[in-house]
Amino acid sequence: MEIFFVLNSNVMDSIRQNKVARLIQKDLTELFRQECKEYAQGAMLSITTVRVSPDLSYAKIYVSIFPSDRTESVMRSFEEHNKTIRYQLGKKVGKQMRIVPELRFFVDDSLDYIEKIDELLK
């Protein structure tokens, strides 16, 4: 009998990493909703996951973008305004964190993948 273990990457993260990731996710969501609407260029955004490095200096932000045909332009806008977004985030989390992590944005296309699988199964 074989036993397989599947490790979730969140299990490997420390409690502090998870707390910082949740804080960043909450504050970035609020930031995009209120102050940085122009960076989304009319698309609807959802920050699905935030992963923080063990030393808390880097944060990978996974963003779901609807409609998906605007993905490239929105991601380009995020890269162009990365320093401004990090500065705005720093103003929000400055009291809780000593160093604001460097932000890297990635597309979370899991919803598109689910939709494609659903179409294939029909």
PDB file of N, CA and C in Angstrom:
ATOM      1  N   MET A   1       0.841  -1.178   0.000  1.00  0.00           N
ATOM      2  CA  MET A   1       0.000   0.000   0.000  1.00  0.00           C
ATOM      3  C   MET A   1       0.885   1.239   0.000  1.00  0.00           C
ATOM      4  N   GLU A   2       0.624   2.137  -0.941  1.00  0.00           N
ATOM      5  CA  GLU A   2       1.412   3.357  -1.051  1.00  0.00           C
ATOM      6  C   GLU A   2       0.625   4.521  -0.482  1.00  0.00           C
ATOM      7  N   ILE A   3       1.324   5.393   0.186  1.00  0.00           N
ATOM      8  CA  ILE A   3       0.709   6.588   0.752  1.00  0.00           C
ATOM      9  C   ILE A   3       1.382   7.790   0.118  1.00  0.00           C
ATOM     10  N   PHE A   4       0.569   8.696  -0.382  1.00  0.00           N
ATOM     11  CA  PHE A   4       1.080   9.905  -0.993  1.00  0.00           C
ATOM     12  C   PHE A   4       0.684  11.097  -0.144  1.00  0.00           C
ATOM     13  N   PHE A   5       1.614  11.995   0.030  1.00  0.00           N
ATOM     14  CA  PHE A   5       1.343  13.223   0.765  1.00  0.00           C
ATOM     15  C   PHE A   5       1.375  14.385  -0.209  1.00  0.00           C
ATOM     16  N   VAL A   6       0.379  15.206  -0.129  1.00  0.00           N
ATOM     17  CA  VAL A   6       0.325  16.420  -0.938  1.00  0.00           C
ATOM     18  C   VAL A   6       0.517  17.577   0.022  1.00  0.00           C
ATOM     19  N   LEU A   7       1.578  18.330  -0.210  1.00  0.00           N
ATOM     20  CA  LEU A   7       1.856  19.470   0.653  1.00  0.00           C
ATOM     21  C   LEU A   7       1.327  20.727   0.003  1.00  0.00           C
ATOM     22  N   ASN A   8       0.494  21.403   0.710  1.00  0.00           N
ATOM     23  CA  ASN A   8       0.010  22.691   0.269  1.00  0.00           C
ATOM     24  C   ASN A   8       1.107  23.708   0.563  1.00  0.00           C
ATOM     25  N   SER A   9       1.365  24.614  -0.362  1.00  0.00           N
ATOM     26  CA  SER A   9       2.444  25.583  -0.153  1.00  0.00           C
ATOM     27  C   SER A   9       2.168  26.489   1.047  1.00  0.00           C
ATOM     28  N   ASN A  10       0.888  26.689   1.392  1.00  0.00           N
ATOM     29  CA  ASN A  10       0.563  27.506   2.556  1.00  0.00           C
ATOM     30  C   ASN A  10       0.999  26.836   3.847  1.00  0.00           C
ATOM     31  N   VAL A  11       1.034  25.501   3.869  1.00  0.00           N
ATOM     32  CA  VAL A  11       1.452  24.785   5.058  1.00  0.00           C
ATOM     33  C   VAL A  11       2.922  25.073   5.349  1.00  0.00           C
ATOM     34  N   MET A  12       3.690  25.234   4.301  1.00  0.00           N
ATOM     35  CA  MET A  12       5.117  25.470   4.447  1.00  0.00           C
ATOM     36  C   MET A  12       5.436  26.900   4.883  1.00  0.00           C
ATOM     37  N   ASP A  13       4.510  27.814   4.670  1.00  0.00           N
ATOM     38  CA  ASP A  13       4.729  29.203   5.048  1.00  0.00           C
ATOM     39  C   ASP A  13       4.597  29.361   6.561  1.00  0.00           C
ATOM     40  N   SER A  14       5.345  30.304   7.086  1.00  0.00           N
ATOM     41  CA  SER A  14       5.252  30.559   8.524  1.00  0.00           C
ATOM     42  C   SER A  14       3.978  31.338   8.838  1.00  0.00           C
ATOM     43  N   ILE A  15       3.639  31.395  10.084  1.00  0.00           N
ATOM     44  CA  ILE A  15       2.459  32.143  10.515  1.00  0.00           C
ATOM     45  C   ILE A  15       2.631  33.615  10.174  1.00  0.00           C
ATOM     46  N   ARG A  16       3.833  34.133  10.363  1.00  0.00           N
ATOM     47  CA  ARG A  16       4.095  35.545  10.061  1.00  0.00           C
ATOM     48  C   ARG A  16       3.927  35.824   8.564  1.00  0.00           C
ATOM     49  N   GLN A  17       4.429  34.922   7.715  1.00  0.00           N
ATOM     50  CA  GLN A  17       4.262  35.091   6.275  1.00  0.00           C
ATOM     51  C   GLN A  17       2.780  35.129   5.909  1.00  0.00           C
ATOM     52  N   ASN A  18       2.000  34.245   6.491  1.00  0.00           N
ATOM     53  CA  ASN A  18       0.568  34.212   6.198  1.00  0.00           C
ATOM     54  C   ASN A  18      -0.124  35.487   6.659  1.00  0.00           C
ATOM     55  N   LYS A  19       0.250  36.002   7.821  1.00  0.00           N
ATOM     56  CA  LYS A  19      -0.359  37.239   8.317  1.00  0.00           C
ATOM     57  C   LYS A  19      -0.010  38.418   7.419  1.00  0.00           C
ATOM     58  N   VAL A  20       1.253  38.500   7.021  1.00  0.00           N
ATOM     59  CA  VAL A  20       1.684  39.592   6.135  1.00  0.00           C
ATOM     60  C   VAL A  20       0.989  39.472   4.786  1.00  0.00           C
ATOM     61  N   ALA A  21       0.856  38.251   4.267  1.00  0.00           N
ATOM     62  CA  ALA A  21       0.188  38.040   2.980  1.00  0.00           C
ATOM     63  C   ALA A  21      -1.269  38.473   3.045  1.00  0.00           C
ATOM     64  N   ARG A  22      -1.962  38.123   4.125  1.00  0.00           N
ATOM     65  CA  ARG A  22      -3.360  38.531   4.273  1.00  0.00           C
ATOM     66  C   ARG A  22      -3.490  40.047   4.392  1.00  0.00           C
ATOM     67  N   LEU A  23      -2.567  40.665   5.126  1.00  0.00           N
ATOM     68  CA  LEU A  23      -2.583  42.127   5.271  1.00  0.00           C
ATOM     69  C   LEU A  23      -2.386  42.802   3.914  1.00  0.00           C
ATOM     70  N   ILE A  24      -1.415  42.321   3.145  1.00  0.00           N
ATOM     71  CA  ILE A  24      -1.142  42.897   1.828  1.00  0.00           C
ATOM     72  C   ILE A  24      -2.338  42.698   0.905  1.00  0.00           C
ATOM     73  N   GLN A  25      -2.926  41.501   0.928  1.00  0.00           N
ATOM     74  CA  GLN A  25      -4.076  41.225   0.075  1.00  0.00           C
ATOM     75  C   GLN A  25      -5.245  42.148   0.412  1.00  0.00           C
ATOM     76  N   LYS A  26      -5.526  42.309   1.686  1.00  0.00           N
ATOM     77  CA  LYS A  26      -6.635  43.161   2.116  1.00  0.00           C
ATOM     78  C   LYS A  26      -6.392  44.618   1.725  1.00  0.00           C
ATOM     79  N   ASP A  27      -5.182  45.108   1.989  1.00  0.00           N
ATOM     80  CA  ASP A  27      -4.901  46.518   1.717  1.00  0.00           C
ATOM     81  C   ASP A  27      -4.764  46.811   0.226  1.00  0.00           C
ATOM     82  N   LEU A  28      -4.209  45.874  -0.549  1.00  0.00           N
ATOM     83  CA  LEU A  28      -4.131  46.090  -1.995  1.00  0.00           C
ATOM     84  C   LEU A  28      -5.522  46.077  -2.621  1.00  0.00           C
ATOM     85  N   THR A  29      -6.386  45.204  -2.138  1.00  0.00           N
ATOM     86  CA  THR A  29      -7.753  45.176  -2.646  1.00  0.00           C
ATOM     87  C   THR A  29      -8.432  46.514  -2.399  1.00  0.00           C
ATOM     88  N   GLU A  30      -8.281  47.016  -1.196  1.00  0.00           N
ATOM     89  CA  GLU A  30      -8.860  48.319  -0.850  1.00  0.00           C
ATOM     90  C   GLU A  30      -8.228  49.433  -1.687  1.00  0.00           C
ATOM     91  N   LEU A  31      -6.932  49.360  -1.885  1.00  0.00           N
ATOM     92  CA  LEU A  31      -6.207  50.363  -2.665  1.00  0.00           C
ATOM     93  C   LEU A  31      -6.694  50.397  -4.112  1.00  0.00           C
ATOM     94  N   PHE A  32      -6.838  49.217  -4.732  1.00  0.00           N
ATOM     95  CA  PHE A  32      -7.302  49.169  -6.123  1.00  0.00           C
ATOM     96  C   PHE A  32      -8.760  49.590  -6.236  1.00  0.00           C
ATOM     97  N   ARG A  33      -9.530  49.333  -5.216  1.00  0.00           N
ATOM     98  CA  ARG A  33     -10.947  49.682  -5.251  1.00  0.00           C
ATOM     99  C   ARG A  33     -11.158  51.187  -5.113  1.00  0.00           C
ATOM    100  N   GLN A  34     -10.322  51.851  -4.310  1.00  0.00           N
ATOM    101  CA  GLN A  34     -10.552  53.263  -4.026  1.00  0.00           C
ATOM    102  C   GLN A  34      -9.629  54.209  -4.778  1.00  0.00           C
ATOM    103  N   GLU A  35      -8.325  53.972  -4.691  1.00  0.00           N
ATOM    104  CA  GLU A  35      -7.377  54.991  -5.134  1.00  0.00           C
ATOM    105  C   GLU A  35      -6.714  54.712  -6.483  1.00  0.00           C
ATOM    106  N   CYS A  36      -6.619  53.471  -6.881  1.00  0.00           N
ATOM    107  CA  CYS A  36      -5.856  53.126  -8.086  1.00  0.00           C
ATOM    108  C   CYS A  36      -6.737  52.524  -9.172  1.00  0.00           C
ATOM    109  N   LYS A  37      -7.929  53.061  -9.336  1.00  0.00           N
ATOM    110  CA  LYS A  37      -8.855  52.530 -10.337  1.00  0.00           C
ATOM    111  C   LYS A  37      -8.299  52.655 -11.757  1.00  0.00           C
ATOM    112  N   GLU A  38      -7.545  53.716 -12.002  1.00  0.00           N
ATOM    113  CA  GLU A  38      -7.050  53.952 -13.361  1.00  0.00           C
ATOM    114  C   GLU A  38      -6.030  52.909 -13.809  1.00  0.00           C
ATOM    115  N   TYR A  39      -5.378  52.238 -12.877  1.00  0.00           N
ATOM    116  CA  TYR A  39      -4.413  51.200 -13.247  1.00  0.00           C
ATOM    117  C   TYR A  39      -5.111  49.961 -13.790  1.00  0.00           C
ATOM    118  N   ALA A  40      -6.358  49.747 -13.402  1.00  0.00           N
ATOM    119  CA  ALA A  40      -7.116  48.588 -13.872  1.00  0.00           C
ATOM    120  C   ALA A  40      -7.698  48.810 -15.262  1.00  0.00           C
ATOM    121  N   GLN A  41      -7.717  50.024 -15.719  1.00  0.00           N
ATOM    122  CA  GLN A  41      -8.171  50.391 -17.056  1.00  0.00           C
ATOM    123  C   GLN A  41      -9.566  49.857 -17.375  1.00  0.00           C
ATOM    124  N   GLY A  42     -10.473  49.979 -16.424  1.00  0.00           N
ATOM    125  CA  GLY A  42     -11.855  49.570 -16.655  1.00  0.00           C
ATOM    126  C   GLY A  42     -12.132  48.089 -16.484  1.00  0.00           C
ATOM    127  N   ALA A  43     -11.125  47.289 -16.168  1.00  0.00           N
ATOM    128  CA  ALA A  43     -11.332  45.861 -15.954  1.00  0.00           C
ATOM    129  C   ALA A  43     -11.684  45.604 -14.495  1.00  0.00           C
ATOM    130  N   MET A  44     -12.318  44.471 -14.251  1.00  0.00           N
ATOM    131  CA  MET A  44     -12.654  44.084 -12.886  1.00  0.00           C
ATOM    132  C   MET A  44     -11.522  43.200 -12.359  1.00  0.00           C
ATOM    133  N   LEU A  45     -10.986  43.570 -11.192  1.00  0.00           N
ATOM    134  CA  LEU A  45      -9.836  42.861 -10.618  1.00  0.00           C
ATOM    135  C   LEU A  45     -10.235  42.100  -9.371  1.00  0.00           C
ATOM    136  N   SER A  46      -9.528  41.013  -9.153  1.00  0.00           N
ATOM    137  CA  SER A  46      -9.659  40.271  -7.912  1.00  0.00           C
ATOM    138  C   SER A  46      -8.273  39.758  -7.545  1.00  0.00           C
ATOM    139  N   ILE A  47      -7.799  40.115  -6.369  1.00  0.00           N
ATOM    140  CA  ILE A  47      -6.509  39.612  -5.908  1.00  0.00           C
ATOM    141  C   ILE A  47      -6.787  38.269  -5.252  1.00  0.00           C
ATOM    142  N   THR A  48      -6.376  37.201  -5.932  1.00  0.00           N
ATOM    143  CA  THR A  48      -6.729  35.860  -5.475  1.00  0.00           C
ATOM    144  C   THR A  48      -5.772  35.320  -4.430  1.00  0.00           C
ATOM    145  N   THR A  49      -4.491  35.573  -4.596  1.00  0.00           N
ATOM    146  CA  THR A  49      -3.494  35.020  -3.680  1.00  0.00           C
ATOM    147  C   THR A  49      -2.325  35.979  -3.543  1.00  0.00           C
ATOM    148  N   VAL A  50      -1.756  36.010  -2.362  1.00  0.00           N
ATOM    149  CA  VAL A  50      -0.501  36.735  -2.131  1.00  0.00           C
ATOM    150  C   VAL A  50       0.451  35.766  -1.449  1.00  0.00           C
ATOM    151  N   ARG A  51       1.632  35.629  -1.989  1.00  0.00           N
ATOM    152  CA  ARG A  51       2.671  34.782  -1.402  1.00  0.00           C
ATOM    153  C   ARG A  51       3.851  35.681  -1.043  1.00  0.00           C
ATOM    154  N   VAL A  52       4.326  35.555   0.182  1.00  0.00           N
ATOM    155  CA  VAL A  52       5.409  36.398   0.676  1.00  0.00           C
ATOM    156  C   VAL A  52       6.631  35.524   0.914  1.00  0.00           C
ATOM    157  N   SER A  53       7.800  36.033   0.549  1.00  0.00           N
ATOM    158  CA  SER A  53       9.041  35.291   0.748  1.00  0.00           C
ATOM    159  C   SER A  53       9.345  35.165   2.246  1.00  0.00           C
ATOM    160  N   PRO A  54      10.161  34.184   2.638  1.00  0.00           N
ATOM    161  CA  PRO A  54      10.464  33.991   4.066  1.00  0.00           C
ATOM    162  C   PRO A  54      11.067  35.217   4.748  1.00  0.00           C
ATOM    163  N   ASP A  55      11.842  36.017   4.016  1.00  0.00           N
ATOM    164  CA  ASP A  55      12.425  37.214   4.625  1.00  0.00           C
ATOM    165  C   ASP A  55      11.518  38.438   4.498  1.00  0.00           C
ATOM    166  N   LEU A  56      10.308  38.245   3.966  1.00  0.00           N
ATOM    167  CA  LEU A  56       9.278  39.277   3.827  1.00  0.00           C
ATOM    168  C   LEU A  56       9.687  40.433   2.916  1.00  0.00           C
ATOM    169  N   SER A  57      10.646  40.205   2.036  1.00  0.00           N
ATOM    170  CA  SER A  57      11.098  41.290   1.162  1.00  0.00           C
ATOM    171  C   SER A  57      10.458  41.249  -0.228  1.00  0.00           C
ATOM    172  N   TYR A  58       9.839  40.133  -0.595  1.00  0.00           N
ATOM    173  CA  TYR A  58       9.178  39.998  -1.896  1.00  0.00           C
ATOM    174  C   TYR A  58       7.764  39.485  -1.699  1.00  0.00           C
ATOM    175  N   ALA A  59       6.852  39.979  -2.503  1.00  0.00           N
ATOM    176  CA  ALA A  59       5.468  39.501  -2.477  1.00  0.00           C
ATOM    177  C   ALA A  59       5.030  39.230  -3.911  1.00  0.00           C
ATOM    178  N   LYS A  60       4.535  38.023  -4.134  1.00  0.00           N
ATOM    179  CA  LYS A  60       3.949  37.665  -5.424  1.00  0.00           C
ATOM    180  C   LYS A  60       2.446  37.839  -5.289  1.00  0.00           C
ATOM    181  N   ILE A  61       1.893  38.693  -6.140  1.00  0.00           N
ATOM    182  CA  ILE A  61       0.469  38.975  -6.097  1.00  0.00           C
ATOM    183  C   ILE A  61      -0.161  38.365  -7.343  1.00  0.00           C
ATOM    184  N   TYR A  62      -1.114  37.467  -7.133  1.00  0.00           N
ATOM    185  CA  TYR A  62      -1.819  36.820  -8.234  1.00  0.00           C
ATOM    186  C   TYR A  62      -3.160  37.520  -8.411  1.00  0.00           C
ATOM    187  N   VAL A  63      -3.378  38.019  -9.637  1.00  0.00           N
ATOM    188  CA  VAL A  63      -4.546  38.842  -9.935  1.00  0.00           C
ATOM    189  C   VAL A  63      -5.388  38.165 -11.010  1.00  0.00           C
ATOM    190  N   SER A  64      -6.684  38.073 -10.743  1.00  0.00           N
ATOM    191  CA  SER A  64      -7.631  37.590 -11.733  1.00  0.00           C
ATOM    192  C   SER A  64      -8.269  38.812 -12.379  1.00  0.00           C
ATOM    193  N   ILE A  65      -8.286  38.842 -13.711  1.00  0.00           N
ATOM    194  CA  ILE A  65      -8.744  40.023 -14.448  1.00  0.00           C
ATOM    195  C   ILE A  65      -9.907  39.627 -15.346  1.00  0.00           C
ATOM    196  N   PHE A  66     -10.994  40.403 -15.258  1.00  0.00           N
ATOM    197  CA  PHE A  66     -12.143  40.176 -16.122  1.00  0.00           C
ATOM    198  C   PHE A  66     -12.505  41.475 -16.811  1.00  0.00           C
ATOM    199  N   PRO A  67     -12.696  41.530 -18.083  1.00  0.00           N
ATOM    200  CA  PRO A  67     -12.603  40.473 -19.075  1.00  0.00           C
ATOM    201  C   PRO A  67     -11.152  40.121 -19.364  1.00  0.00           C
ATOM    202  N   SER A  68     -10.942  38.897 -19.745  1.00  0.00           N
ATOM    203  CA  SER A  68      -9.579  38.395 -19.901  1.00  0.00           C
ATOM    204  C   SER A  68      -8.857  38.976 -21.115  1.00  0.00           C
ATOM    205  N   ASP A  69      -9.568  39.630 -22.026  1.00  0.00           N
ATOM    206  CA  ASP A  69      -8.883  40.236 -23.172  1.00  0.00           C
ATOM    207  C   ASP A  69      -8.102  41.501 -22.787  1.00  0.00           C
ATOM    208  N   ARG A  70      -8.327  42.022 -21.594  1.00  0.00           N
ATOM    209  CA  ARG A  70      -7.587  43.201 -21.125  1.00  0.00           C
ATOM    210  C   ARG A  70      -6.399  42.833 -20.235  1.00  0.00           C
ATOM    211  N   THR A  71      -6.119  41.567 -20.103  1.00  0.00           N
ATOM    212  CA  THR A  71      -5.087  41.098 -19.177  1.00  0.00           C
ATOM    213  C   THR A  71      -3.732  41.732 -19.455  1.00  0.00           C
ATOM    214  N   GLU A  72      -3.307  41.725 -20.714  1.00  0.00           N
ATOM    215  CA  GLU A  72      -1.981  42.247 -21.050  1.00  0.00           C
ATOM    216  C   GLU A  72      -1.847  43.731 -20.731  1.00  0.00           C
ATOM    217  N   SER A  73      -2.857  44.509 -21.072  1.00  0.00           N
ATOM    218  CA  SER A  73      -2.758  45.950 -20.836  1.00  0.00           C
ATOM    219  C   SER A  73      -2.780  46.270 -19.342  1.00  0.00           C
ATOM    220  N   VAL A  74      -3.577  45.528 -18.568  1.00  0.00           N
ATOM    221  CA  VAL A  74      -3.633  45.766 -17.127  1.00  0.00           C
ATOM    222  C   VAL A  74      -2.313  45.374 -16.472  1.00  0.00           C
ATOM    223  N   MET A  75      -1.746  44.243 -16.876  1.00  0.00           N
ATOM    224  CA  MET A  75      -0.468  43.806 -16.300  1.00  0.00           C
ATOM    225  C   MET A  75       0.650  44.788 -16.677  1.00  0.00           C
ATOM    226  N   ARG A  76       0.615  45.308 -17.878  1.00  0.00           N
ATOM    227  CA  ARG A  76       1.601  46.312 -18.288  1.00  0.00           C
ATOM    228  C   ARG A  76       1.454  47.575 -17.446  1.00  0.00           C
ATOM    229  N   SER A  77       0.222  47.952 -17.165  1.00  0.00           N
ATOM    230  CA  SER A  77      -0.041  49.120 -16.320  1.00  0.00           C
ATOM    231  C   SER A  77       0.485  48.896 -14.906  1.00  0.00           C
ATOM    232  N   PHE A  78       0.295  47.692 -14.362  1.00  0.00           N
ATOM    233  CA  PHE A  78       0.816  47.379 -13.029  1.00  0.00           C
ATOM    234  C   PHE A  78       2.333  47.477 -12.990  1.00  0.00           C
ATOM    235  N   GLU A  79       2.988  46.987 -14.027  1.00  0.00           N
ATOM    236  CA  GLU A  79       4.451  47.045 -14.066  1.00  0.00           C
ATOM    237  C   GLU A  79       4.947  48.484 -14.179  1.00  0.00           C
ATOM    238  N   GLU A  80       4.245  49.296 -14.966  1.00  0.00           N
ATOM    239  CA  GLU A  80       4.631  50.699 -15.120  1.00  0.00           C
ATOM    240  C   GLU A  80       4.443  51.488 -13.822  1.00  0.00           C
ATOM    241  N   HIS A  81       3.411  51.148 -13.063  1.00  0.00           N
ATOM    242  CA  HIS A  81       3.084  51.884 -11.842  1.00  0.00           C
ATOM    243  C   HIS A  81       3.452  51.117 -10.577  1.00  0.00           C
ATOM    244  N   ASN A  82       4.355  50.163 -10.685  1.00  0.00           N
ATOM    245  CA  ASN A  82       4.714  49.306  -9.559  1.00  0.00           C
ATOM    246  C   ASN A  82       5.226  50.118  -8.367  1.00  0.00           C
ATOM    247  N   LYS A  83       6.081  51.089  -8.621  1.00  0.00           N
ATOM    248  CA  LYS A  83       6.641  51.897  -7.528  1.00  0.00           C
ATOM    249  C   LYS A  83       5.564  52.723  -6.842  1.00  0.00           C
ATOM    250  N   THR A  84       4.640  53.265  -7.625  1.00  0.00           N
ATOM    251  CA  THR A  84       3.553  54.050  -7.049  1.00  0.00           C
ATOM    252  C   THR A  84       2.634  53.173  -6.204  1.00  0.00           C
ATOM    253  N   ILE A  85       2.323  51.978  -6.709  1.00  0.00           N
ATOM    254  CA  ILE A  85       1.466  51.047  -5.967  1.00  0.00           C
ATOM    255  C   ILE A  85       2.146  50.648  -4.667  1.00  0.00           C
ATOM    256  N   ARG A  86       3.439  50.377  -4.727  1.00  0.00           N
ATOM    257  CA  ARG A  86       4.182  49.995  -3.516  1.00  0.00           C
ATOM    258  C   ARG A  86       4.210  51.155  -2.516  1.00  0.00           C
ATOM    259  N   TYR A  87       4.373  52.361  -3.011  1.00  0.00           N
ATOM    260  CA  TYR A  87       4.373  53.544  -2.140  1.00  0.00           C
ATOM    261  C   TYR A  87       3.009  53.705  -1.462  1.00  0.00           C
ATOM    262  N   GLN A  88       1.937  53.585  -2.240  1.00  0.00           N
ATOM    263  CA  GLN A  88       0.586  53.699  -1.676  1.00  0.00           C
ATOM    264  C   GLN A  88       0.339  52.603  -0.641  1.00  0.00           C
ATOM    265  N   LEU A  89       0.796  51.385  -0.945  1.00  0.00           N
ATOM    266  CA  LEU A  89       0.663  50.279   0.010  1.00  0.00           C
ATOM    267  C   LEU A  89       1.462  50.576   1.274  1.00  0.00           C
ATOM    268  N   GLY A  90       2.640  51.144   1.114  1.00  0.00           N
ATOM    269  CA  GLY A  90       3.477  51.494   2.264  1.00  0.00           C
ATOM    270  C   GLY A  90       2.807  52.497   3.185  1.00  0.00           C
ATOM    271  N   LYS A  91       2.052  53.433   2.608  1.00  0.00           N
ATOM    272  CA  LYS A  91       1.326  54.390   3.447  1.00  0.00           C
ATOM    273  C   LYS A  91       0.248  53.698   4.269  1.00  0.00           C
ATOM    274  N   LYS A  92      -0.335  52.615   3.717  1.00  0.00           N
ATOM    275  CA  LYS A  92      -1.391  51.893   4.437  1.00  0.00           C
ATOM    276  C   LYS A  92      -0.836  50.952   5.502  1.00  0.00           C
ATOM    277  N   VAL A  93       0.256  50.253   5.196  1.00  0.00           N
ATOM    278  CA  VAL A  93       0.775  49.223   6.114  1.00  0.00           C
ATOM    279  C   VAL A  93       1.999  49.696   6.881  1.00  0.00           C
ATOM    280  N   GLY A  94       2.344  50.949   6.754  1.00  0.00           N
ATOM    281  CA  GLY A  94       3.557  51.471   7.371  1.00  0.00           C
ATOM    282  C   GLY A  94       3.638  51.290   8.873  1.00  0.00           C
ATOM    283  N   LYS A  95       2.509  51.304   9.546  1.00  0.00           N
ATOM    284  CA  LYS A  95       2.499  51.139  11.000  1.00  0.00           C
ATOM    285  C   LYS A  95       2.673  49.681  11.416  1.00  0.00           C
ATOM    286  N   GLN A  96       2.255  48.738  10.550  1.00  0.00           N
ATOM    287  CA  GLN A  96       2.326  47.325  10.901  1.00  0.00           C
ATOM    288  C   GLN A  96       3.601  46.643  10.420  1.00  0.00           C
ATOM    289  N   MET A  97       4.214  47.186   9.369  1.00  0.00           N
ATOM    290  CA  MET A  97       5.393  46.542   8.776  1.00  0.00           C
ATOM    291  C   MET A  97       6.552  47.519   8.710  1.00  0.00           C
ATOM    292  N   ARG A  98       7.723  47.000   8.992  1.00  0.00           N
ATOM    293  CA  ARG A  98       8.914  47.843   8.927  1.00  0.00           C
ATOM    294  C   ARG A  98       9.346  48.054   7.477  1.00  0.00           C
ATOM    295  N   ILE A  99       9.319  46.987   6.681  1.00  0.00           N
ATOM    296  CA  ILE A  99       9.720  47.060   5.282  1.00  0.00           C
ATOM    297  C   ILE A  99       8.548  46.631   4.411  1.00  0.00           C
ATOM    298  N   VAL A 100       8.223  47.421   3.406  1.00  0.00           N
ATOM    299  CA  VAL A 100       7.176  47.053   2.458  1.00  0.00           C
ATOM    300  C   VAL A 100       7.832  46.184   1.393  1.00  0.00           C
ATOM    301  N   PRO A 101       7.305  44.979   1.172  1.00  0.00           N
ATOM    302  CA  PRO A 101       7.956  44.075   0.213  1.00  0.00           C
ATOM    303  C   PRO A 101       7.884  44.585  -1.217  1.00  0.00           C
ATOM    304  N   GLU A 102       8.831  44.133  -2.022  1.00  0.00           N
ATOM    305  CA  GLU A 102       8.825  44.427  -3.444  1.00  0.00           C
ATOM    306  C   GLU A 102       7.700  43.615  -4.069  1.00  0.00           C
ATOM    307  N   LEU A 103       6.891  44.250  -4.901  1.00  0.00           N
ATOM    308  CA  LEU A 103       5.704  43.610  -5.452  1.00  0.00           C
ATOM    309  C   LEU A 103       5.962  43.062  -6.844  1.00  0.00           C
ATOM    310  N   ARG A 104       5.513  41.843  -7.076  1.00  0.00           N
ATOM    311  CA  ARG A 104       5.543  41.215  -8.398  1.00  0.00           C
ATOM    312  C   ARG A 104       4.133  40.747  -8.708  1.00  0.00           C
ATOM    313  N   PHE A 105       3.604  41.173  -9.850  1.00  0.00           N
ATOM    314  CA  PHE A 105       2.238  40.826 -10.225  1.00  0.00           C
ATOM    315  C   PHE A 105       2.239  39.691 -11.234  1.00  0.00           C
ATOM    316  N   PHE A 106       1.343  38.732 -11.022  1.00  0.00           N
ATOM    317  CA  PHE A 106       1.180  37.587 -11.901  1.00  0.00           C
ATOM    318  C   PHE A 106      -0.300  37.401 -12.193  1.00  0.00           C
ATOM    319  N   VAL A 107      -0.594  36.860 -13.371  1.00  0.00           N
ATOM    320  CA  VAL A 107      -1.973  36.611 -13.763  1.00  0.00           C
ATOM    321  C   VAL A 107      -2.417  35.278 -13.176  1.00  0.00           C
ATOM    322  N   ASP A 108      -3.558  35.287 -12.528  1.00  0.00           N
ATOM    323  CA  ASP A 108      -4.179  34.055 -12.054  1.00  0.00           C
ATOM    324  C   ASP A 108      -5.249  33.692 -13.071  1.00  0.00           C
ATOM    325  N   ASP A 109      -4.929  32.751 -13.935  1.00  0.00           N
ATOM    326  CA  ASP A 109      -5.856  32.373 -14.993  1.00  0.00           C
ATOM    327  C   ASP A 109      -6.606  31.086 -14.671  1.00  0.00           C
ATOM    328  N   SER A 110      -6.753  30.772 -13.413  1.00  0.00           N
ATOM    329  CA  SER A 110      -7.430  29.534 -13.028  1.00  0.00           C
ATOM    330  C   SER A 110      -8.905  29.547 -13.441  1.00  0.00           C
ATOM    331  N   LEU A 111      -9.556  30.704 -13.424  1.00  0.00           N
ATOM    332  CA  LEU A 111     -10.958  30.768 -13.845  1.00  0.00           C
ATOM    333  C   LEU A 111     -11.096  30.488 -15.338  1.00  0.00           C
ATOM    334  N   ASP A 112     -10.161  30.999 -16.149  1.00  0.00           N
ATOM    335  CA  ASP A 112     -10.174  30.704 -17.582  1.00  0.00           C
ATOM    336  C   ASP A 112      -9.945  29.214 -17.822  1.00  0.00           C
ATOM    337  N   TYR A 113      -9.052  28.628 -17.043  1.00  0.00           N
ATOM    338  CA  TYR A 113      -8.763  27.205 -17.173  1.00  0.00           C
ATOM    339  C   TYR A 113      -9.992  26.370 -16.816  1.00  0.00           C
ATOM    340  N   ILE A 114     -10.683  26.749 -15.743  1.00  0.00           N
ATOM    341  CA  ILE A 114     -11.899  26.044 -15.336  1.00  0.00           C
ATOM    342  C   ILE A 114     -12.972  26.166 -16.417  1.00  0.00           C
ATOM    343  N   GLU A 115     -13.095  27.349 -16.990  1.00  0.00           N
ATOM    344  CA  GLU A 115     -14.078  27.564 -18.048  1.00  0.00           C
ATOM    345  C   GLU A 115     -13.762  26.720 -19.274  1.00  0.00           C
ATOM    346  N   LYS A 116     -12.484  26.634 -19.620  1.00  0.00           N
ATOM    347  CA  LYS A 116     -12.067  25.830 -20.768  1.00  0.00           C
ATOM    348  C   LYS A 116     -12.361  24.351 -20.528  1.00  0.00           C
ATOM    349  N   ILE A 117     -12.089  23.845 -19.330  1.00  0.00           N
ATOM    350  CA  ILE A 117     -12.380  22.457 -18.992  1.00  0.00           C
ATOM    351  C   ILE A 117     -13.881  22.206 -19.050  1.00  0.00           C
ATOM    352  N   ASP A 118     -14.657  23.148 -18.551  1.00  0.00           N
ATOM    353  CA  ASP A 118     -16.104  23.023 -18.565  1.00  0.00           C
ATOM    354  C   ASP A 118     -16.626  22.933 -19.991  1.00  0.00           C
ATOM    355  N   GLU A 119     -16.079  23.757 -20.885  1.00  0.00           N
ATOM    356  CA  GLU A 119     -16.492  23.723 -22.298  1.00  0.00           C
ATOM    357  C   GLU A 119     -16.136  22.376 -22.945  1.00  0.00           C
ATOM    358  N   LEU A 120     -14.972  21.837 -22.594  1.00  0.00           N
ATOM    359  CA  LEU A 120     -14.561  20.560 -23.169  1.00  0.00           C
ATOM    360  C   LEU A 120     -15.440  19.398 -22.692  1.00  0.00           C
ATOM    361  N   LEU A 121     -15.939  19.516 -21.468  1.00  0.00           N
ATOM    362  CA  LEU A 121     -16.772  18.444 -20.918  1.00  0.00           C
ATOM    363  C   LEU A 121     -18.212  18.481 -21.427  1.00  0.00           C
ATOM    364  N   LYS A 122     -18.629  19.568 -22.028  1.00  0.00           N
ATOM    365  CA  LYS A 122     -20.007  19.676 -22.521  1.00  0.00           C
ATOM    366  C   LYS A 122     -20.220  18.861 -23.765  1.00  0.00           C
TER     367      LYS A 122
END
